[in-house]
C-alpha atoms as a PDB file:
ATOM      1  CA  MET A   1       0.000   0.000   0.000  1.00  0.00           C
ATOM      2  CA  ALA A   2       1.358   3.386  -0.992  1.00  0.00           C
ATOM      3  CA  SER A   3       1.938   5.787   1.880  1.00  0.00           C
ATOM      4  CA  GLY A   4       0.060   9.063   2.241  1.00  0.00           C
ATOM      5  CA  VAL A   5      -2.853   8.049   0.002  1.00  0.00           C
ATOM      6  CA  LYS A   6      -6.009   9.945   0.928  1.00  0.00           C
ATOM      7  CA  PRO A   7      -9.270   9.907  -1.049  1.00  0.00           C
ATOM      8  CA  ARG A   8     -11.485  13.009  -0.893  1.00  0.00           C
ATOM      9  CA  VAL A   9     -15.010  13.329  -2.266  1.00  0.00           C
ATOM     10  CA  LYS A  10     -17.495  16.191  -2.447  1.00  0.00           C
ATOM     11  CA  VAL A  11     -21.154  15.160  -2.865  1.00  0.00           C
ATOM     12  CA  PRO A  12     -24.163  17.350  -1.994  1.00  0.00           C
ATOM     13  CA  LYS A  13     -25.861  16.194   1.225  1.00  0.00           C
ATOM     14  CA  THR A  14     -29.337  16.612  -0.306  1.00  0.00           C
ATOM     15  CA  ALA A  15     -30.941  16.667  -3.752  1.00  0.00           C
ATOM     16  CA  ALA A  16     -34.400  16.487  -5.311  1.00  0.00           C
ATOM     17  CA  ALA A  17     -35.451  13.120  -6.753  1.00  0.00           C
ATOM     18  CA  GLY A  18     -34.249  12.950 -10.372  1.00  0.00           C
ATOM     19  CA  GLU A  19     -31.879  15.885  -9.952  1.00  0.00           C
ATOM     20  CA  THR A  20     -28.476  15.882 -11.659  1.00  0.00           C
ATOM     21  CA  ILE A  21     -25.687  16.590  -9.176  1.00  0.00           C
ATOM     22  CA  THR A  22     -21.988  17.301  -9.617  1.00  0.00           C
ATOM     23  CA  ILE A  23     -19.535  15.021  -7.815  1.00  0.00           C
ATOM     24  CA  LYS A  24     -15.877  15.946  -7.301  1.00  0.00           C
ATOM     25  CA  THR A  25     -13.197  13.431  -6.313  1.00  0.00           C
ATOM     26  CA  LEU A  26      -9.490  13.690  -5.641  1.00  0.00           C
ATOM     27  CA  ILE A  27      -7.055  11.112  -4.331  1.00  0.00           C
ATOM     28  CA  SER A  28      -3.659  12.107  -2.952  1.00  0.00           C
ATOM     29  CA  HIS A  29      -1.219   9.693  -4.595  1.00  0.00           C
ATOM     30  CA  LYS A  30       2.353  10.370  -5.762  1.00  0.00           C
ATOM     31  CA  MET A  31       2.034   8.284  -8.965  1.00  0.00           C
ATOM     32  CA  GLU A  32       5.062   6.860 -10.731  1.00  0.00           C
ATOM     33  CA  SER A  33       4.947   6.145 -14.472  1.00  0.00           C
ATOM     34  CA  GLY A  34       7.499   3.329 -14.428  1.00  0.00           C
ATOM     35  CA  GLN A  35       9.665   5.195 -16.942  1.00  0.00           C
ATOM     36  CA  ARG A  36      11.952   7.139 -14.597  1.00  0.00           C
ATOM     37  CA  LYS A  37      15.197   5.887 -13.062  1.00  0.00           C
ATOM     38  CA  ASP A  38      16.581   6.433  -9.569  1.00  0.00           C
ATOM     39  CA  LYS A  39      20.085   7.795  -8.761  1.00  0.00           C
ATOM     40  CA  GLU A  40      21.650   4.404  -9.468  1.00  0.00           C
ATOM     41  CA  GLY A  41      19.954   4.152 -12.869  1.00  0.00           C
ATOM     42  CA  VAL A  42      17.480   1.488 -11.779  1.00  0.00           C
ATOM     43  CA  LEU A  43      13.969   1.787 -13.195  1.00  0.00           C
ATOM     44  CA  ILE A  44      11.448   2.917 -10.562  1.00  0.00           C
ATOM     45  CA  PRO A  45       8.461   0.536 -10.726  1.00  0.00           C
ATOM     46  CA  ARG A  46       5.147   1.855 -11.991  1.00  0.00           C
ATOM     47  CA  SER A  47       2.809   2.901  -9.184  1.00  0.00           C
ATOM     48  CA  ILE A  48      -0.411   4.534 -10.304  1.00  0.00           C
ATOM     49  CA  ILE A  49      -4.071   4.484  -9.502  1.00  0.00           C
ATOM     50  CA  ASN A  50      -5.164   2.410 -12.509  1.00  0.00           C
ATOM     51  CA  ARG A  51      -8.947   2.375 -12.077  1.00  0.00           C
ATOM     52  CA  PHE A  52     -11.673   4.475 -10.459  1.00  0.00           C
ATOM     53  CA  THR A  53     -15.311   3.493  -9.971  1.00  0.00           C
ATOM     54  CA  ALA A  54     -18.352   5.149  -8.443  1.00  0.00           C
ATOM     55  CA  ASP A  55     -21.566   3.301  -7.589  1.00  0.00           C
ATOM     56  CA  PHE A  56     -24.914   4.543  -6.306  1.00  0.00           C
ATOM     57  CA  ASN A  57     -26.943   2.042  -4.283  1.00  0.00           C
ATOM     58  CA  GLY A  58     -25.027  -0.793  -5.932  1.00  0.00           C
ATOM     59  CA  GLN A  59     -25.479   0.501  -9.504  1.00  0.00           C
ATOM     60  CA  ASN A  60     -22.386   1.586 -11.406  1.00  0.00           C
ATOM     61  CA  VAL A  61     -22.294   5.307 -12.253  1.00  0.00           C
ATOM     62  CA  ILE A  62     -18.778   5.595 -13.689  1.00  0.00           C
ATOM     63  CA  ASP A  63     -15.870   3.221 -14.319  1.00  0.00           C
ATOM     64  CA  ILE A  64     -12.587   4.749 -15.519  1.00  0.00           C
ATOM     65  CA  THR A  65      -9.400   2.981 -16.599  1.00  0.00           C
ATOM     66  CA  ILE A  66      -6.439   5.221 -15.823  1.00  0.00           C
ATOM     67  CA  GLU A  67      -3.262   5.106 -17.904  1.00  0.00           C
ATOM     68  CA  PRO A  68       0.346   5.911 -16.847  1.00  0.00           C
ATOM     69  CA  ALA A  69       0.230   9.466 -18.247  1.00  0.00           C
ATOM     70  CA  VAL A  70      -2.151  10.534 -15.461  1.00  0.00           C
ATOM     71  CA  SER A  71      -0.953  13.308 -13.181  1.00  0.00           C
ATOM     72  CA  THR A  72      -0.179  13.078  -9.511  1.00  0.00           C
ATOM     73  CA  ASN A  73      -3.281  13.345  -7.287  1.00  0.00           C
ATOM     74  CA  PRO A  74      -5.875  12.521  -9.969  1.00  0.00           C
ATOM     75  CA  TYR A  75      -9.041  14.636  -9.857  1.00  0.00           C
ATOM     76  CA  PHE A  76     -12.349  13.631 -11.423  1.00  0.00           C
ATOM     77  CA  GLU A  77     -15.519  15.699 -11.706  1.00  0.00           C
ATOM     78  CA  PHE A  78     -18.671  14.160 -13.141  1.00  0.00           C
ATOM     79  CA  GLU A  79     -22.457  14.367 -12.973  1.00  0.00           C
ATOM     80  CA  ALA A  80     -24.921  11.771 -11.733  1.00  0.00           C
ATOM     81  CA  ILE A  81     -28.706  11.615 -11.525  1.00  0.00           C
ATOM     82  CA  VAL A  82     -30.053  10.920  -8.043  1.00  0.00           C
ATOM     83  CA  PRO A  83     -33.316   8.944  -8.343  1.00  0.00           C
ATOM     84  CA  GLU A  84     -33.641   8.276  -4.599  1.00  0.00           C
ATOM     85  CA  ALA A  85     -31.872   8.636  -1.269  1.00  0.00           C
ATOM     86  CA  GLY A  86     -28.872   6.402  -0.911  1.00  0.00           C
ATOM     87  CA  GLU A  87     -25.139   5.959  -0.805  1.00  0.00           C
ATOM     88  CA  PHE A  88     -22.421   6.716  -3.303  1.00  0.00           C
ATOM     89  CA  LYS A  89     -19.426   4.386  -3.001  1.00  0.00           C
ATOM     90  CA  PHE A  90     -16.110   5.462  -4.527  1.00  0.00           C
ATOM     91  CA  THR A  91     -13.242   3.036  -5.163  1.00  0.00           C
ATOM     92  CA  TRP A  92      -9.693   3.604  -6.418  1.00  0.00           C
ATOM     93  CA  TYR A  93      -7.489   0.657  -7.445  1.00  0.00           C
ATOM     94  CA  ASP A  94      -3.696   0.852  -7.119  1.00  0.00           C
ATOM     95  CA  ASP A  95      -1.072  -1.063  -9.150  1.00  0.00           C
ATOM     96  CA  ASP A  96       0.194  -2.728  -5.971  1.00  0.00           C
ATOM     97  CA  GLY A  97      -3.230  -4.308  -5.369  1.00  0.00           C
ATOM     98  CA  SER A  98      -4.340  -1.767  -2.766  1.00  0.00           C
ATOM     99  CA  VAL A  99      -7.943  -0.606  -2.881  1.00  0.00           C
ATOM    100  CA  TYR A 100      -9.009   2.733  -1.408  1.00  0.00           C
ATOM    101  CA  GLU A 101     -12.686   3.301  -0.666  1.00  0.00           C
ATOM    102  CA  THR A 102     -14.920   5.976   0.727  1.00  0.00           C
ATOM    103  CA  SER A 103     -18.652   6.590   0.638  1.00  0.00           C
ATOM    104  CA  LYS A 104     -21.102   9.470   0.970  1.00  0.00           C
ATOM    105  CA  GLN A 105     -24.811   9.504   1.793  1.00  0.00           C
ATOM    106  CA  ILE A 106     -27.336  11.699   0.006  1.00  0.00           C
ATOM    107  CA  THR A 107     -30.921  12.369   1.071  1.00  0.00           C
ATOM    108  CA  ILE A 108     -33.896  13.486  -1.003  1.00  0.00           C
ATOM    109  CA  THR A 109     -35.586  16.785  -0.181  1.00  0.00           C
END
């Protein structure tokens, strides 16, 4: 597991049924492309977040495959329709097999 990895998510606490909301996510992760060398000339192994998913009440909202050219601390902003109250679950997958998760509740007004 990479050190210092911290997922952050911004989801409105409430929405009207059927409303489209904006979700913002950021994960603190150093990222390493696997193409750089250390001081001794040894290739530094690739270490990136390679996939991001978001689900709402068990239904997939977004599923992104991330390639090595991604920047450090990847940020995603996307829209989702909220048909009912429930929970958004966000998951980031790391090259080393680590999985980082967080979730946010939303209620209907």
